[in-house]
Amino acid sequence: MSESGIPAALYEKNAQEFVEVTRRIQEALVRLESDTKLKATQEVLAQLANCSRGTLSNRRWPLERLREIKNARKVPKQPITDGSKAAVNTASRIERYKEQLYNSREEVLIWKARYDQVSERLAESLNVARVLQARLKEAEDELTNLRSNSRPKIIDFSVKSPK
């Protein structure tokens, strides 16, 4: 148990999650700063960081940094040479393309898993169909045998049987 009465494993997990959320918030702030097409709002920051707005409010520093980004966007920019502006746009595009590529790969993996499941179920169904066809054939053969063996035998009772 730690000092606060929380089991050590839970305390360690919480610490790891805190660090992970902090990293995601920092990455989201960098992305907001570099991509002016994204609104500099708490909601957008929370979506990019994959956390709640309450988490941002509790930590305070992300909201202060968000205000700085908003203020920097309001300040009139000095003329930027085409080369540096193109570099910023290119970097922003590259990041978006990387994210799209990652999302596409994830979707492909999901569809492949579904395809594999359906293929497996189809193979099982075909196997069951083959077994059932074989059983049906056996049953039909047995029925044919029974019908041929059970032809009525006519006994003539009019003739007296020898004693």
C-alpha atoms as a PDB file:
ATOM      1  CA  MET A   1       0.000   0.000   0.000  1.00  0.00           C
ATOM      2  CA  SER A   2       1.167   3.500  -0.757  1.00  0.00           C
ATOM      3  CA  GLU A   3       0.839   6.455   1.597  1.00  0.00           C
ATOM      4  CA  SER A   4      -2.643   7.305   0.314  1.00  0.00           C
ATOM      5  CA  GLY A   5      -3.975   3.796   0.951  1.00  0.00           C
ATOM      6  CA  ILE A   6      -4.058   2.868  -2.733  1.00  0.00           C
ATOM      7  CA  PRO A   7      -2.481  -0.469  -3.674  1.00  0.00           C
ATOM      8  CA  ALA A   8       0.969  -0.063  -5.221  1.00  0.00           C
ATOM      9  CA  ALA A   9      -0.060  -1.623  -8.546  1.00  0.00           C
ATOM     10  CA  LEU A  10      -2.992   0.776  -8.910  1.00  0.00           C
ATOM     11  CA  TYR A  11      -0.810   3.724  -7.914  1.00  0.00           C
ATOM     12  CA  GLU A  12       1.760   2.730 -10.543  1.00  0.00           C
ATOM     13  CA  LYS A  13      -0.926   2.299 -13.228  1.00  0.00           C
ATOM     14  CA  ASN A  14      -2.381   5.727 -12.409  1.00  0.00           C
ATOM     15  CA  ALA A  15       1.087   7.271 -12.653  1.00  0.00           C
ATOM     16  CA  GLN A  16       1.641   5.661 -16.062  1.00  0.00           C
ATOM     17  CA  GLU A  17      -1.742   6.873 -17.316  1.00  0.00           C
ATOM     18  CA  PHE A  18      -0.975  10.392 -16.047  1.00  0.00           C
ATOM     19  CA  VAL A  19       2.288  10.426 -17.998  1.00  0.00           C
ATOM     20  CA  GLU A  20       0.562   9.061 -21.117  1.00  0.00           C
ATOM     21  CA  VAL A  21      -2.229  11.667 -20.989  1.00  0.00           C
ATOM     22  CA  THR A  22       0.369  14.410 -20.436  1.00  0.00           C
ATOM     23  CA  ARG A  23       2.267  13.261 -23.524  1.00  0.00           C
ATOM     24  CA  ARG A  24      -0.930  13.235 -25.606  1.00  0.00           C
ATOM     25  CA  ILE A  25      -1.849  16.744 -24.407  1.00  0.00           C
ATOM     26  CA  GLN A  26       1.602  18.050 -25.326  1.00  0.00           C
ATOM     27  CA  GLU A  27       1.386  16.493 -28.797  1.00  0.00           C
ATOM     28  CA  ALA A  28      -2.090  17.960 -29.288  1.00  0.00           C
ATOM     29  CA  LEU A  29      -0.853  21.420 -28.279  1.00  0.00           C
ATOM     30  CA  VAL A  30       2.024  21.186 -30.749  1.00  0.00           C
ATOM     31  CA  ARG A  31      -0.416  20.157 -33.456  1.00  0.00           C
ATOM     32  CA  LEU A  32      -2.786  23.032 -32.606  1.00  0.00           C
ATOM     33  CA  GLU A  33       0.119  25.438 -32.726  1.00  0.00           C
ATOM     34  CA  SER A  34       1.350  24.215 -36.106  1.00  0.00           C
ATOM     35  CA  ASP A  35      -2.010  23.741 -37.854  1.00  0.00           C
ATOM     36  CA  THR A  36      -4.004  26.963 -38.034  1.00  0.00           C
ATOM     37  CA  LYS A  37      -6.923  25.155 -39.653  1.00  0.00           C
ATOM     38  CA  LEU A  38      -7.699  23.552 -36.286  1.00  0.00           C
ATOM     39  CA  LYS A  39      -9.674  25.718 -33.875  1.00  0.00           C
ATOM     40  CA  ALA A  40      -7.818  26.564 -30.687  1.00  0.00           C
ATOM     41  CA  THR A  41     -10.608  25.462 -28.329  1.00  0.00           C
ATOM     42  CA  GLN A  42     -10.800  23.194 -25.302  1.00  0.00           C
ATOM     43  CA  GLU A  43     -13.053  20.832 -27.187  1.00  0.00           C
ATOM     44  CA  VAL A  44     -10.637  20.396 -30.096  1.00  0.00           C
ATOM     45  CA  LEU A  45      -7.697  20.032 -27.709  1.00  0.00           C
ATOM     46  CA  ALA A  46      -9.592  17.387 -25.718  1.00  0.00           C
ATOM     47  CA  GLN A  47     -10.432  15.474 -28.915  1.00  0.00           C
ATOM     48  CA  LEU A  48      -6.853  15.591 -30.173  1.00  0.00           C
ATOM     49  CA  ALA A  49      -5.497  14.503 -26.783  1.00  0.00           C
ATOM     50  CA  ASN A  50      -8.223  11.886 -26.366  1.00  0.00           C
ATOM     51  CA  CYS A  51      -9.144  13.126 -22.899  1.00  0.00           C
ATOM     52  CA  SER A  52     -11.972  15.078 -21.303  1.00  0.00           C
ATOM     53  CA  ARG A  53     -12.238  18.841 -20.946  1.00  0.00           C
ATOM     54  CA  GLY A  54     -12.350  18.244 -17.196  1.00  0.00           C
ATOM     55  CA  THR A  55      -8.883  16.704 -17.357  1.00  0.00           C
ATOM     56  CA  LEU A  56      -7.630  19.831 -19.108  1.00  0.00           C
ATOM     57  CA  SER A  57      -9.277  22.067 -16.504  1.00  0.00           C
ATOM     58  CA  ASN A  58      -7.843  20.082 -13.605  1.00  0.00           C
ATOM     59  CA  ARG A  59      -4.310  20.386 -14.955  1.00  0.00           C
ATOM     60  CA  ARG A  60      -4.624  24.120 -15.790  1.00  0.00           C
ATOM     61  CA  TRP A  61      -1.344  24.357 -17.752  1.00  0.00           C
ATOM     62  CA  PRO A  62      -2.878  23.047 -20.990  1.00  0.00           C
ATOM     63  CA  LEU A  63      -5.507  25.800 -20.881  1.00  0.00           C
ATOM     64  CA  GLU A  64      -2.832  28.439 -20.257  1.00  0.00           C
ATOM     65  CA  ARG A  65      -0.876  27.120 -23.224  1.00  0.00           C
ATOM     66  CA  LEU A  66      -4.094  27.110 -25.280  1.00  0.00           C
ATOM     67  CA  ARG A  67      -4.635  30.800 -24.418  1.00  0.00           C
ATOM     68  CA  GLU A  68      -1.086  31.540 -25.571  1.00  0.00           C
ATOM     69  CA  ILE A  69      -1.797  29.799 -28.877  1.00  0.00           C
ATOM     70  CA  LYS A  70      -5.015  31.795 -29.309  1.00  0.00           C
ATOM     71  CA  ASN A  71      -3.215  35.062 -28.549  1.00  0.00           C
ATOM     72  CA  ALA A  72      -0.419  34.196 -30.960  1.00  0.00           C
ATOM     73  CA  ARG A  73      -2.998  33.633 -33.685  1.00  0.00           C
ATOM     74  CA  LYS A  74      -4.592  37.032 -33.010  1.00  0.00           C
ATOM     75  CA  VAL A  75      -1.316  38.930 -33.376  1.00  0.00           C
ATOM     76  CA  PRO A  76      -0.838  40.097 -36.947  1.00  0.00           C
ATOM     77  CA  LYS A  77       1.864  38.059 -38.534  1.00  0.00           C
ATOM     78  CA  GLN A  78       4.897  39.514 -40.151  1.00  0.00           C
ATOM     79  CA  PRO A  79       5.255  38.755 -43.804  1.00  0.00           C
ATOM     80  CA  ILE A  80       6.547  35.248 -44.142  1.00  0.00           C
ATOM     81  CA  THR A  81       8.660  34.222 -47.031  1.00  0.00           C
ATOM     82  CA  ASP A  82       7.004  31.711 -49.261  1.00  0.00           C
ATOM     83  CA  GLY A  83       9.652  29.110 -48.464  1.00  0.00           C
ATOM     84  CA  SER A  84       9.045  29.052 -44.704  1.00  0.00           C
ATOM     85  CA  LYS A  85       5.259  29.151 -45.112  1.00  0.00           C
ATOM     86  CA  ALA A  86       5.464  26.274 -47.537  1.00  0.00           C
ATOM     87  CA  ALA A  87       7.629  24.369 -45.061  1.00  0.00           C
ATOM     88  CA  VAL A  88       5.053  24.865 -42.286  1.00  0.00           C
ATOM     89  CA  ASN A  89       2.203  23.814 -44.585  1.00  0.00           C
ATOM     90  CA  THR A  90       4.178  20.829 -45.798  1.00  0.00           C
ATOM     91  CA  ALA A  91       4.949  19.730 -42.236  1.00  0.00           C
ATOM     92  CA  SER A  92       1.287  20.109 -41.309  1.00  0.00           C
ATOM     93  CA  ARG A  93       0.194  18.121 -44.349  1.00  0.00           C
ATOM     94  CA  ILE A  94       2.736  15.416 -43.669  1.00  0.00           C
ATOM     95  CA  GLU A  95       1.390  15.020 -40.127  1.00  0.00           C
ATOM     96  CA  ARG A  96      -2.176  14.796 -41.402  1.00  0.00           C
ATOM     97  CA  TYR A  97      -1.152  12.275 -44.056  1.00  0.00           C
ATOM     98  CA  LYS A  98       0.654  10.184 -41.460  1.00  0.00           C
ATOM     99  CA  GLU A  99      -2.461  10.160 -39.308  1.00  0.00           C
ATOM    100  CA  GLN A 100      -4.639   9.215 -42.284  1.00  0.00           C
ATOM    101  CA  LEU A 101      -2.209   6.447 -43.200  1.00  0.00           C
ATOM    102  CA  TYR A 102      -2.272   5.127 -39.634  1.00  0.00           C
ATOM    103  CA  ASN A 103      -6.090   5.203 -39.564  1.00  0.00           C
ATOM    104  CA  SER A 104      -6.247   3.453 -42.948  1.00  0.00           C
ATOM    105  CA  ARG A 105      -3.922   0.723 -41.741  1.00  0.00           C
ATOM    106  CA  GLU A 106      -6.066   0.216 -38.654  1.00  0.00           C
ATOM    107  CA  GLU A 107      -9.182  -0.056 -40.814  1.00  0.00           C
ATOM    108  CA  VAL A 108      -7.480  -2.554 -43.136  1.00  0.00           C
ATOM    109  CA  LEU A 109      -6.555  -4.700 -40.133  1.00  0.00           C
ATOM    110  CA  ILE A 110     -10.145  -4.613 -38.896  1.00  0.00           C
ATOM    111  CA  TRP A 111     -11.514  -5.635 -42.316  1.00  0.00           C
ATOM    112  CA  LYS A 112      -8.910  -8.388 -42.656  1.00  0.00           C
ATOM    113  CA  ALA A 113      -9.912  -9.795 -39.273  1.00  0.00           C
ATOM    114  CA  ARG A 114     -13.572  -9.765 -40.337  1.00  0.00           C
ATOM    115  CA  TYR A 115     -12.682 -11.448 -43.640  1.00  0.00           C
ATOM    116  CA  ASP A 116     -10.732 -14.144 -41.807  1.00  0.00           C
ATOM    117  CA  GLN A 117     -13.672 -14.782 -39.465  1.00  0.00           C
ATOM    118  CA  VAL A 118     -16.159 -15.033 -42.332  1.00  0.00           C
ATOM    119  CA  SER A 119     -13.814 -17.290 -44.331  1.00  0.00           C
ATOM    120  CA  GLU A 120     -13.429 -19.577 -41.333  1.00  0.00           C
ATOM    121  CA  ARG A 121     -17.194 -19.744 -40.818  1.00  0.00           C
ATOM    122  CA  LEU A 122     -17.687 -20.467 -44.527  1.00  0.00           C
ATOM    123  CA  ALA A 123     -15.172 -23.325 -44.420  1.00  0.00           C
ATOM    124  CA  GLU A 124     -16.931 -24.783 -41.371  1.00  0.00           C
ATOM    125  CA  SER A 125     -20.325 -24.474 -43.089  1.00  0.00           C
ATOM    126  CA  LEU A 126     -19.031 -26.185 -46.234  1.00  0.00           C
ATOM    127  CA  ASN A 127     -17.622 -28.996 -44.110  1.00  0.00           C
ATOM    128  CA  VAL A 128     -20.961 -29.453 -42.348  1.00  0.00           C
ATOM    129  CA  ALA A 129     -22.752 -29.436 -45.729  1.00  0.00           C
ATOM    130  CA  ARG A 130     -20.445 -32.185 -47.045  1.00  0.00           C
ATOM    131  CA  VAL A 131     -21.053 -34.318 -43.950  1.00  0.00           C
ATOM    132  CA  LEU A 132     -24.812 -33.819 -44.229  1.00  0.00           C
ATOM    133  CA  GLN A 133     -24.775 -34.728 -47.936  1.00  0.00           C
ATOM    134  CA  ALA A 134     -22.887 -37.941 -47.144  1.00  0.00           C
ATOM    135  CA  ARG A 135     -25.403 -38.818 -44.414  1.00  0.00           C
ATOM    136  CA  LEU A 136     -28.304 -38.076 -46.756  1.00  0.00           C
ATOM    137  CA  LYS A 137     -26.809 -40.356 -49.417  1.00  0.00           C
ATOM    138  CA  GLU A 138     -26.376 -43.136 -46.825  1.00  0.00           C
ATOM    139  CA  ALA A 139     -29.971 -42.699 -45.653  1.00  0.00           C
ATOM    140  CA  GLU A 140     -31.285 -42.807 -49.235  1.00  0.00           C
ATOM    141  CA  ASP A 141     -29.281 -45.987 -49.928  1.00  0.00           C
ATOM    142  CA  GLU A 142     -30.601 -47.605 -46.754  1.00  0.00           C
ATOM    143  CA  LEU A 143     -34.160 -46.624 -47.656  1.00  0.00           C
ATOM    144  CA  THR A 144     -33.743 -48.152 -51.126  1.00  0.00           C
ATOM    145  CA  ASN A 145     -32.439 -51.392 -49.553  1.00  0.00           C
ATOM    146  CA  LEU A 146     -35.317 -51.544 -47.102  1.00  0.00           C
ATOM    147  CA  ARG A 147     -37.868 -51.009 -49.859  1.00  0.00           C
ATOM    148  CA  SER A 148     -36.388 -53.736 -52.052  1.00  0.00           C
ATOM    149  CA  ASN A 149     -36.194 -56.240 -49.160  1.00  0.00           C
ATOM    150  CA  SER A 150     -39.699 -55.656 -47.904  1.00  0.00           C
ATOM    151  CA  ARG A 151     -41.670 -56.565 -51.037  1.00  0.00           C
ATOM    152  CA  PRO A 152     -44.861 -58.323 -50.058  1.00  0.00           C
ATOM    153  CA  LYS A 153     -44.568 -62.093 -50.133  1.00  0.00           C
ATOM    154  CA  ILE A 154     -47.822 -63.667 -51.190  1.00  0.00           C
ATOM    155  CA  ILE A 155     -48.706 -66.825 -49.401  1.00  0.00           C
ATOM    156  CA  ASP A 156     -51.393 -68.977 -50.924  1.00  0.00           C
ATOM    157  CA  PHE A 157     -53.595 -70.269 -48.125  1.00  0.00           C
ATOM    158  CA  SER A 158     -55.936 -72.093 -50.455  1.00  0.00           C
ATOM    159  CA  VAL A 159     -53.558 -74.974 -50.872  1.00  0.00           C
ATOM    160  CA  LYS A 160     -53.333 -77.318 -47.957  1.00  0.00           C
ATOM    161  CA  SER A 161     -49.957 -77.671 -46.544  1.00  0.00           C
ATOM    162  CA  PRO A 162     -48.493 -81.178 -46.269  1.00  0.00           C
ATOM    163  CA  LYS A 163     -48.688 -82.816 -42.892  1.00  0.00           C
END
